[in-house]
């Protein structure tokens, strides 16, 4: 009498498939959350870059005017509210520019503030 070893089937059990699908789903959800965070951060960076360019432009415009003609003011450009002040001191003019940034993800963002001094 000859005995043969039972043949094993090849493939995966339902339990193994469920574990694999669950791990895949958790990984994809984590990836989606990370992508959303990156999207939010890059959008905030673009707004900050626009605010910095706006402040630089304002400083250059004020630098090109005579000391006695420099004055403070405010404007709304590209959805960003900008306020600048000019303070005259002996031999220099101090310029302060503050740009309000919109809230990010429901959280308030501090304004971008730039200051410089120009000789007269």
C-alpha atoms as a PDB file:
ATOM      1  CA  UNK A   1       0.000   0.000   0.000  1.00  0.00           C
ATOM      2  CA  UNK A   2       1.320   3.400  -1.026  1.00  0.00           C
ATOM      3  CA  UNK A   3       0.423   6.637   0.705  1.00  0.00           C
ATOM      4  CA  UNK A   4       0.595   9.950  -1.094  1.00  0.00           C
ATOM      5  CA  UNK A   5       0.987  13.284   0.680  1.00  0.00           C
ATOM      6  CA  UNK A   6      -2.095  15.466   0.275  1.00  0.00           C
ATOM      7  CA  UNK A   7      -1.793  18.151  -2.384  1.00  0.00           C
ATOM      8  CA  UNK A   8      -1.801  21.683  -1.103  1.00  0.00           C
ATOM      9  CA  UNK A   9      -3.709  24.232  -3.055  1.00  0.00           C
ATOM     10  CA  UNK A  10      -1.884  27.281  -4.232  1.00  0.00           C
ATOM     11  CA  UNK A  11      -3.330  30.731  -3.573  1.00  0.00           C
ATOM     12  CA  UNK A  12      -4.466  32.889  -0.701  1.00  0.00           C
ATOM     13  CA  UNK A  13      -7.091  32.392   1.939  1.00  0.00           C
ATOM     14  CA  UNK A  14      -9.904  34.877   2.431  1.00  0.00           C
ATOM     15  CA  UNK A  15      -8.344  35.980   5.727  1.00  0.00           C
ATOM     16  CA  UNK A  16      -5.044  36.784   4.013  1.00  0.00           C
ATOM     17  CA  UNK A  17      -6.845  38.772   1.313  1.00  0.00           C
ATOM     18  CA  UNK A  18      -8.819  40.768   3.911  1.00  0.00           C
ATOM     19  CA  UNK A  19      -5.657  41.625   5.816  1.00  0.00           C
ATOM     20  CA  UNK A  20      -3.923  42.731   2.603  1.00  0.00           C
ATOM     21  CA  UNK A  21      -6.884  44.902   1.525  1.00  0.00           C
ATOM     22  CA  UNK A  22      -7.104  46.465   5.010  1.00  0.00           C
ATOM     23  CA  UNK A  23      -3.398  47.330   5.006  1.00  0.00           C
ATOM     24  CA  UNK A  24      -3.684  48.795   1.522  1.00  0.00           C
ATOM     25  CA  UNK A  25      -6.681  50.929   2.561  1.00  0.00           C
ATOM     26  CA  UNK A  26      -4.875  52.267   5.644  1.00  0.00           C
ATOM     27  CA  UNK A  27      -1.825  53.125   3.530  1.00  0.00           C
ATOM     28  CA  UNK A  28      -3.908  54.942   0.915  1.00  0.00           C
ATOM     29  CA  UNK A  29      -5.746  56.945   3.587  1.00  0.00           C
ATOM     30  CA  UNK A  30      -2.427  58.005   5.097  1.00  0.00           C
ATOM     31  CA  UNK A  31      -1.144  59.017   1.686  1.00  0.00           C
ATOM     32  CA  UNK A  32      -4.279  61.075   1.004  1.00  0.00           C
ATOM     33  CA  UNK A  33      -3.905  62.872   4.358  1.00  0.00           C
ATOM     34  CA  UNK A  34      -0.289  63.721   3.604  1.00  0.00           C
ATOM     35  CA  UNK A  35      -1.191  65.022   0.147  1.00  0.00           C
ATOM     36  CA  UNK A  36      -3.840  67.279   1.683  1.00  0.00           C
ATOM     37  CA  UNK A  37      -1.348  68.689   4.210  1.00  0.00           C
ATOM     38  CA  UNK A  38       1.200  69.379   1.457  1.00  0.00           C
ATOM     39  CA  UNK A  39      -1.484  71.141  -0.602  1.00  0.00           C
ATOM     40  CA  UNK A  40      -2.362  73.400   2.330  1.00  0.00           C
ATOM     41  CA  UNK A  41       1.256  74.247   3.079  1.00  0.00           C
ATOM     42  CA  UNK A  42       2.121  75.036  -0.535  1.00  0.00           C
ATOM     43  CA  UNK A  43      -0.916  77.325  -0.848  1.00  0.00           C
ATOM     44  CA  UNK A  44       0.164  79.201   2.274  1.00  0.00           C
ATOM     45  CA  UNK A  45       3.678  79.532   0.893  1.00  0.00           C
ATOM     46  CA  UNK A  46       2.367  81.036  -2.337  1.00  0.00           C
ATOM     47  CA  UNK A  47       0.360  83.636  -0.400  1.00  0.00           C
ATOM     48  CA  UNK A  48       3.393  84.517   1.719  1.00  0.00           C
ATOM     49  CA  UNK A  49       5.555  84.871  -1.398  1.00  0.00           C
ATOM     50  CA  UNK A  50       2.951  87.200  -2.930  1.00  0.00           C
ATOM     51  CA  UNK A  51       2.870  89.254   0.282  1.00  0.00           C
ATOM     52  CA  UNK A  52       6.671  89.513   0.354  1.00  0.00           C
ATOM     53  CA  UNK A  53       6.752  90.633  -3.292  1.00  0.00           C
ATOM     54  CA  UNK A  54       4.064  93.221  -2.542  1.00  0.00           C
ATOM     55  CA  UNK A  55       6.063  94.593   0.421  1.00  0.00           C
ATOM     56  CA  UNK A  56       9.265  94.705  -1.643  1.00  0.00           C
ATOM     57  CA  UNK A  57       7.455  96.585  -4.400  1.00  0.00           C
ATOM     58  CA  UNK A  58       6.071  99.127  -1.914  1.00  0.00           C
ATOM     59  CA  UNK A  59       9.512  99.701  -0.394  1.00  0.00           C
ATOM     60  CA  UNK A  60      11.039 100.247  -3.833  1.00  0.00           C
ATOM     61  CA  UNK A  61       8.319 102.754  -4.787  1.00  0.00           C
ATOM     62  CA  UNK A  62       8.823 104.700  -1.572  1.00  0.00           C
ATOM     63  CA  UNK A  63      12.600 104.581  -2.002  1.00  0.00           C
ATOM     64  CA  UNK A  64      12.201 106.296  -5.379  1.00  0.00           C
ATOM     65  CA  UNK A  65      10.345 109.310  -3.942  1.00  0.00           C
ATOM     66  CA  UNK A  66      11.787 112.385  -2.242  1.00  0.00           C
ATOM     67  CA  UNK A  67      12.035 112.249   1.568  1.00  0.00           C
ATOM     68  CA  UNK A  68       9.425 114.984   2.022  1.00  0.00           C
ATOM     69  CA  UNK A  69       6.979 113.250  -0.355  1.00  0.00           C
ATOM     70  CA  UNK A  70       7.013 109.884   1.457  1.00  0.00           C
ATOM     71  CA  UNK A  71       3.730 109.199   3.244  1.00  0.00           C
ATOM     72  CA  UNK A  72       1.912 106.281   4.830  1.00  0.00           C
ATOM     73  CA  UNK A  73      -1.207 104.696   3.423  1.00  0.00           C
ATOM     74  CA  UNK A  74      -3.081 101.501   2.712  1.00  0.00           C
ATOM     75  CA  UNK A  75      -4.233  99.470  -0.268  1.00  0.00           C
ATOM     76  CA  UNK A  76      -5.911  96.212  -1.220  1.00  0.00           C
ATOM     77  CA  UNK A  77      -3.976  94.214  -3.831  1.00  0.00           C
ATOM     78  CA  UNK A  78      -4.749  90.673  -4.910  1.00  0.00           C
ATOM     79  CA  UNK A  79      -6.971  90.152  -1.871  1.00  0.00           C
ATOM     80  CA  UNK A  80      -4.175  91.191   0.519  1.00  0.00           C
ATOM     81  CA  UNK A  81      -4.703  94.260   2.730  1.00  0.00           C
ATOM     82  CA  UNK A  82      -1.515  96.325   2.993  1.00  0.00           C
ATOM     83  CA  UNK A  83      -0.808  99.173   5.416  1.00  0.00           C
ATOM     84  CA  UNK A  84       2.432 101.158   5.481  1.00  0.00           C
ATOM     85  CA  UNK A  85       3.719 103.914   7.730  1.00  0.00           C
ATOM     86  CA  UNK A  86       6.500 106.413   7.212  1.00  0.00           C
ATOM     87  CA  UNK A  87       8.346 107.977  10.161  1.00  0.00           C
ATOM     88  CA  UNK A  88      10.807 110.792   9.555  1.00  0.00           C
ATOM     89  CA  UNK A  89      13.900 110.915  11.752  1.00  0.00           C
ATOM     90  CA  UNK A  90      16.996 113.120  11.412  1.00  0.00           C
ATOM     91  CA  UNK A  91      18.767 111.958   8.262  1.00  0.00           C
ATOM     92  CA  UNK A  92      16.610 108.848   7.671  1.00  0.00           C
ATOM     93  CA  UNK A  93      13.072 107.756   6.933  1.00  0.00           C
ATOM     94  CA  UNK A  94      11.756 104.628   8.632  1.00  0.00           C
ATOM     95  CA  UNK A  95       9.320 102.556   6.567  1.00  0.00           C
ATOM     96  CA  UNK A  96       7.055  99.852   8.056  1.00  0.00           C
ATOM     97  CA  UNK A  97       4.859  97.738   5.802  1.00  0.00           C
ATOM     98  CA  UNK A  98       2.304  95.265   7.194  1.00  0.00           C
ATOM     99  CA  UNK A  99       0.350  92.871   4.972  1.00  0.00           C
ATOM    100  CA  UNK A 100      -2.611  90.926   6.394  1.00  0.00           C
ATOM    101  CA  UNK A 101      -2.719  87.320   5.196  1.00  0.00           C
ATOM    102  CA  UNK A 102      -6.021  85.407   4.898  1.00  0.00           C
ATOM    103  CA  UNK A 103      -6.712  82.621   7.411  1.00  0.00           C
ATOM    104  CA  UNK A 104      -5.362  79.168   6.584  1.00  0.00           C
ATOM    105  CA  UNK A 105      -7.546  76.174   7.470  1.00  0.00           C
ATOM    106  CA  UNK A 106      -9.656  78.319   9.783  1.00  0.00           C
ATOM    107  CA  UNK A 107      -6.626  79.532  11.754  1.00  0.00           C
ATOM    108  CA  UNK A 108      -5.564  83.157  11.904  1.00  0.00           C
ATOM    109  CA  UNK A 109      -2.207  83.912  10.293  1.00  0.00           C
ATOM    110  CA  UNK A 110      -0.023  86.727  11.671  1.00  0.00           C
ATOM    111  CA  UNK A 111       0.566  89.582   9.235  1.00  0.00           C
ATOM    112  CA  UNK A 112       3.796  89.827   7.287  1.00  0.00           C
ATOM    113  CA  UNK A 113       5.675  92.898   8.556  1.00  0.00           C
ATOM    114  CA  UNK A 114       8.684  94.440   6.829  1.00  0.00           C
ATOM    115  CA  UNK A 115      10.686  97.411   8.087  1.00  0.00           C
ATOM    116  CA  UNK A 116      13.569  99.377   6.607  1.00  0.00           C
ATOM    117  CA  UNK A 117      15.329 102.708   6.977  1.00  0.00           C
ATOM    118  CA  UNK A 118      16.232 104.945   4.050  1.00  0.00           C
ATOM    119  CA  UNK A 119      18.749 107.790   4.125  1.00  0.00           C
ATOM    120  CA  UNK A 120      17.564 111.266   3.212  1.00  0.00           C
END
